[in-house]
C-alpha atoms as a PDB file:
ATOM      1  CA  MET A   1       0.000   0.000   0.000  1.00  0.00           C
ATOM      2  CA  ALA A   2       1.470   3.380  -1.001  1.00  0.00           C
ATOM      3  CA  TYR A   3       1.140   6.349   1.317  1.00  0.00           C
ATOM      4  CA  LEU A   4       1.396   9.969   0.248  1.00  0.00           C
ATOM      5  CA  ASN A   5       2.823  11.060   3.596  1.00  0.00           C
ATOM      6  CA  GLY A   6       3.490   7.890   5.555  1.00  0.00           C
ATOM      7  CA  ASP A   7       4.778   9.774   8.573  1.00  0.00           C
ATOM      8  CA  LYS A   8       1.615  11.915   8.752  1.00  0.00           C
ATOM      9  CA  GLY A   9      -1.150   9.346   8.472  1.00  0.00           C
ATOM     10  CA  ALA A  10      -2.667   6.529   6.495  1.00  0.00           C
ATOM     11  CA  GLN A  11      -3.717   8.341   3.320  1.00  0.00           C
ATOM     12  CA  ARG A  12      -3.469   5.971   0.368  1.00  0.00           C
ATOM     13  CA  ALA A  13      -2.243   7.240  -2.981  1.00  0.00           C
ATOM     14  CA  GLY A  14      -5.137   7.819  -5.357  1.00  0.00           C
ATOM     15  CA  LYS A  15      -7.699   8.152  -2.559  1.00  0.00           C
ATOM     16  CA  ARG A  16      -7.192  11.831  -1.855  1.00  0.00           C
ATOM     17  CA  GLY A  17     -10.202  14.166  -1.849  1.00  0.00           C
ATOM     18  CA  ALA A  18     -10.738  16.894  -4.419  1.00  0.00           C
ATOM     19  CA  ALA A  19      -9.057  20.274  -4.157  1.00  0.00           C
ATOM     20  CA  VAL A  20     -10.852  22.867  -2.027  1.00  0.00           C
ATOM     21  CA  ALA A  21     -10.336  26.595  -2.552  1.00  0.00           C
ATOM     22  CA  ALA A  22      -9.419  28.832   0.354  1.00  0.00           C
ATOM     23  CA  VAL A  23     -11.936  31.392   1.519  1.00  0.00           C
ATOM     24  CA  ALA A  24     -10.938  34.620  -0.208  1.00  0.00           C
ATOM     25  CA  THR A  25     -13.996  36.826   0.348  1.00  0.00           C
ATOM     26  CA  ALA A  26     -13.275  40.262   1.774  1.00  0.00           C
ATOM     27  CA  ASN A  27     -13.494  40.759   5.517  1.00  0.00           C
ATOM     28  CA  ALA A  28     -16.958  40.801   7.044  1.00  0.00           C
ATOM     29  CA  ASP A  29     -16.359  44.162   8.730  1.00  0.00           C
ATOM     30  CA  ALA A  30     -18.408  46.147   6.206  1.00  0.00           C
ATOM     31  CA  THR A  31     -21.469  43.899   6.462  1.00  0.00           C
ATOM     32  CA  TYR A  32     -21.866  42.936  10.133  1.00  0.00           C
ATOM     33  CA  GLY A  33     -21.470  44.544  13.538  1.00  0.00           C
ATOM     34  CA  GLN A  34     -18.026  44.210  15.122  1.00  0.00           C
ATOM     35  CA  PRO A  35     -18.689  41.063  17.229  1.00  0.00           C
ATOM     36  CA  GLU A  36     -20.149  39.206  14.245  1.00  0.00           C
ATOM     37  CA  ALA A  37     -17.418  40.422  11.910  1.00  0.00           C
ATOM     38  CA  ASP A  38     -14.731  39.272  14.360  1.00  0.00           C
ATOM     39  CA  LEU A  39     -16.312  35.831  14.547  1.00  0.00           C
ATOM     40  CA  VAL A  40     -16.680  35.482  10.765  1.00  0.00           C
ATOM     41  CA  ASN A  41     -13.112  36.658  10.162  1.00  0.00           C
ATOM     42  CA  GLU A  42     -11.737  34.277  12.823  1.00  0.00           C
ATOM     43  CA  LEU A  43     -13.640  31.336  11.326  1.00  0.00           C
ATOM     44  CA  LYS A  44     -12.346  32.233   7.856  1.00  0.00           C
ATOM     45  CA  THR A  45      -8.762  32.299   9.144  1.00  0.00           C
ATOM     46  CA  LYS A  46      -9.118  28.977  10.968  1.00  0.00           C
ATOM     47  CA  PHE A  47     -10.803  27.333   7.979  1.00  0.00           C
ATOM     48  CA  ASN A  48      -7.995  28.407   5.657  1.00  0.00           C
ATOM     49  CA  ALA A  49      -5.407  27.109   8.168  1.00  0.00           C
ATOM     50  CA  LEU A  50      -7.242  23.779   8.269  1.00  0.00           C
ATOM     51  CA  LEU A  51      -7.162  23.577   4.467  1.00  0.00           C
ATOM     52  CA  VAL A  52      -3.394  24.150   4.530  1.00  0.00           C
ATOM     53  CA  GLN A  53      -2.955  21.295   7.018  1.00  0.00           C
ATOM     54  CA  LEU A  54      -5.201  18.942   5.034  1.00  0.00           C
ATOM     55  CA  ARG A  55      -3.231  19.659   1.847  1.00  0.00           C
ATOM     56  CA  ALA A  56       0.101  19.168   3.611  1.00  0.00           C
ATOM     57  CA  SER A  57      -1.001  15.806   5.016  1.00  0.00           C
ATOM     58  CA  GLY A  58      -2.283  14.602   1.647  1.00  0.00           C
ATOM     59  CA  VAL A  59      -5.935  14.368   2.656  1.00  0.00           C
ATOM     60  CA  ILE A  60      -7.085  16.782  -0.056  1.00  0.00           C
ATOM     61  CA  ALA A  61      -5.473  17.742  -3.336  1.00  0.00           C
ATOM     62  CA  PRO A  62      -3.332  20.881  -3.401  1.00  0.00           C
END
């Protein structure tokens, strides 16, 4: 069995999920109040960081 990143997990070659685009929409500051905008912007940042980690581990396509 071939692994894309054997030291990072058991992802088999050819079984990787499709590529997922990062969230690139402008900040939510102009649309929502400050508490909501902070939450939306934090979630966007964390989601993009998660995508980077999933790509690096071979779970999703780059």
